[in-house]
Amino acid sequence: MRRNLNEVIRLSDEQKKHLISEIKAFYLDARGEEIGIIEEQQLLDLFCEHLAPIIYNKALDDAMYWIKEQAGNIEIDYCLLYKNI
């Protein structure tokens, strides 16, 4: 079942235009083919539906790793400031 693009990722009209022009340029440069408007939109939808969630989750994982690293640093800093009596 295909999901609506807006359910997967929200892109501005400007972002959509830019990505579609990148897809069009890729096909022309890499394959020497011109693709139509429908194919451009289908490829953008495909990437947004299948690739975007993977990239999004990877970004969340990277952020969580960074947060954990920073939390560890805070604990170390706290221990260095703590006064032994």
C-alpha atoms as a PDB file:
ATOM      1  CA  MET A   1       0.000   0.000   0.000  1.00  0.00           C
ATOM      2  CA  ARG A   2       1.475   3.333  -1.037  1.00  0.00           C
ATOM      3  CA  ARG A   3       1.348   6.155   1.454  1.00  0.00           C
ATOM      4  CA  ASN A   4       0.714   9.766   0.583  1.00  0.00           C
ATOM      5  CA  LEU A   5       3.923  11.815   0.345  1.00  0.00           C
ATOM      6  CA  ASN A   6       2.615  14.244   2.976  1.00  0.00           C
ATOM      7  CA  GLU A   7       2.147  11.374   5.452  1.00  0.00           C
ATOM      8  CA  VAL A   8       5.799  10.391   5.121  1.00  0.00           C
ATOM      9  CA  ILE A   9       7.678  13.678   4.873  1.00  0.00           C
ATOM     10  CA  ARG A  10       6.621  17.269   4.461  1.00  0.00           C
ATOM     11  CA  LEU A  11       8.524  19.203   1.835  1.00  0.00           C
ATOM     12  CA  SER A  12       7.953  22.789   0.834  1.00  0.00           C
ATOM     13  CA  ASP A  13       7.081  23.471  -2.779  1.00  0.00           C
ATOM     14  CA  GLU A  14      10.567  24.932  -3.233  1.00  0.00           C
ATOM     15  CA  GLN A  15      12.185  21.778  -1.810  1.00  0.00           C
ATOM     16  CA  LYS A  16      10.076  19.576  -4.091  1.00  0.00           C
ATOM     17  CA  LYS A  17      11.049  21.636  -7.131  1.00  0.00           C
ATOM     18  CA  HIS A  18      14.721  21.452  -6.177  1.00  0.00           C
ATOM     19  CA  LEU A  19      14.673  17.685  -5.609  1.00  0.00           C
ATOM     20  CA  ILE A  20      12.787  17.056  -8.832  1.00  0.00           C
ATOM     21  CA  SER A  21      15.335  19.137 -10.743  1.00  0.00           C
ATOM     22  CA  GLU A  22      18.113  17.079  -9.115  1.00  0.00           C
ATOM     23  CA  ILE A  23      16.416  13.835 -10.154  1.00  0.00           C
ATOM     24  CA  LYS A  24      15.953  15.154 -13.681  1.00  0.00           C
ATOM     25  CA  ALA A  25      19.602  16.258 -13.871  1.00  0.00           C
ATOM     26  CA  PHE A  26      20.812  12.911 -12.521  1.00  0.00           C
ATOM     27  CA  TYR A  27      18.964  10.960 -15.181  1.00  0.00           C
ATOM     28  CA  LEU A  28      20.236  13.252 -17.892  1.00  0.00           C
ATOM     29  CA  ASP A  29      23.869  13.181 -16.687  1.00  0.00           C
ATOM     30  CA  ALA A  30      24.148   9.563 -15.554  1.00  0.00           C
ATOM     31  CA  ARG A  31      21.938   7.832 -18.083  1.00  0.00           C
ATOM     32  CA  GLY A  32      21.582  10.322 -20.900  1.00  0.00           C
ATOM     33  CA  GLU A  33      17.819  10.073 -20.547  1.00  0.00           C
ATOM     34  CA  GLU A  34      15.174  12.699 -20.130  1.00  0.00           C
ATOM     35  CA  ILE A  35      12.314  11.666 -17.901  1.00  0.00           C
ATOM     36  CA  GLY A  36       8.851  13.148 -17.772  1.00  0.00           C
ATOM     37  CA  ILE A  37       7.002  14.964 -15.042  1.00  0.00           C
ATOM     38  CA  ILE A  38       5.158  11.844 -13.920  1.00  0.00           C
ATOM     39  CA  GLU A  39       8.367   9.808 -13.609  1.00  0.00           C
ATOM     40  CA  GLU A  40      10.077  12.654 -11.718  1.00  0.00           C
ATOM     41  CA  GLN A  41       7.231  12.827  -9.211  1.00  0.00           C
ATOM     42  CA  GLN A  42       7.059   9.033  -8.874  1.00  0.00           C
ATOM     43  CA  LEU A  43      10.776   8.850  -8.096  1.00  0.00           C
ATOM     44  CA  LEU A  44      10.511  11.655  -5.541  1.00  0.00           C
ATOM     45  CA  ASP A  45       7.555   9.889  -3.904  1.00  0.00           C
ATOM     46  CA  LEU A  46       9.471   6.601  -3.873  1.00  0.00           C
ATOM     47  CA  PHE A  47      12.529   8.175  -2.234  1.00  0.00           C
ATOM     48  CA  CYS A  48      10.406  10.034   0.316  1.00  0.00           C
ATOM     49  CA  GLU A  49       8.411   6.934   1.183  1.00  0.00           C
ATOM     50  CA  HIS A  50      11.291   4.477   1.492  1.00  0.00           C
ATOM     51  CA  LEU A  51      14.519   6.411   1.968  1.00  0.00           C
ATOM     52  CA  ALA A  52      13.412   9.386   4.062  1.00  0.00           C
ATOM     53  CA  PRO A  53      12.272   7.316   7.083  1.00  0.00           C
ATOM     54  CA  ILE A  54      15.622   5.479   7.127  1.00  0.00           C
ATOM     55  CA  ILE A  55      17.560   8.756   7.022  1.00  0.00           C
ATOM     56  CA  TYR A  56      15.248  10.276   9.640  1.00  0.00           C
ATOM     57  CA  ASN A  57      15.737   7.338  12.006  1.00  0.00           C
ATOM     58  CA  LYS A  58      19.511   7.467  11.466  1.00  0.00           C
ATOM     59  CA  ALA A  59      19.485  11.161  12.370  1.00  0.00           C
ATOM     60  CA  LEU A  60      17.529  10.356  15.546  1.00  0.00           C
ATOM     61  CA  ASP A  61      20.018   7.607  16.436  1.00  0.00           C
ATOM     62  CA  ASP A  62      22.937   9.998  15.863  1.00  0.00           C
ATOM     63  CA  ALA A  63      21.249  12.649  18.023  1.00  0.00           C
ATOM     64  CA  MET A  64      20.637  10.127  20.811  1.00  0.00           C
ATOM     65  CA  TYR A  65      24.273   9.028  20.702  1.00  0.00           C
ATOM     66  CA  TRP A  66      25.373  12.677  20.941  1.00  0.00           C
ATOM     67  CA  ILE A  67      22.983  13.347  23.845  1.00  0.00           C
ATOM     68  CA  LYS A  68      24.307  10.317  25.729  1.00  0.00           C
ATOM     69  CA  GLU A  69      27.883  11.455  25.139  1.00  0.00           C
ATOM     70  CA  GLN A  70      27.042  14.933  26.434  1.00  0.00           C
ATOM     71  CA  ALA A  71      25.260  13.473  29.467  1.00  0.00           C
ATOM     72  CA  GLY A  72      28.390  11.461  30.263  1.00  0.00           C
ATOM     73  CA  ASN A  73      30.457  14.621  30.011  1.00  0.00           C
ATOM     74  CA  ILE A  74      28.089  16.424  32.401  1.00  0.00           C
ATOM     75  CA  GLU A  75      28.503  13.653  34.961  1.00  0.00           C
ATOM     76  CA  ILE A  76      32.292  13.845  34.671  1.00  0.00           C
ATOM     77  CA  ASP A  77      32.200  17.631  35.022  1.00  0.00           C
ATOM     78  CA  TYR A  78      29.969  17.301  38.074  1.00  0.00           C
ATOM     79  CA  CYS A  79      32.350  14.841  39.694  1.00  0.00           C
ATOM     80  CA  LEU A  80      35.305  17.151  39.035  1.00  0.00           C
ATOM     81  CA  LEU A  81      33.480  20.028  40.727  1.00  0.00           C
ATOM     82  CA  TYR A  82      32.369  18.002  43.713  1.00  0.00           C
ATOM     83  CA  LYS A  83      34.257  18.907  46.910  1.00  0.00           C
ATOM     84  CA  ASN A  84      35.496  16.064  49.063  1.00  0.00           C
ATOM     85  CA  ILE A  85      35.281  16.878  52.776  1.00  0.00           C
END
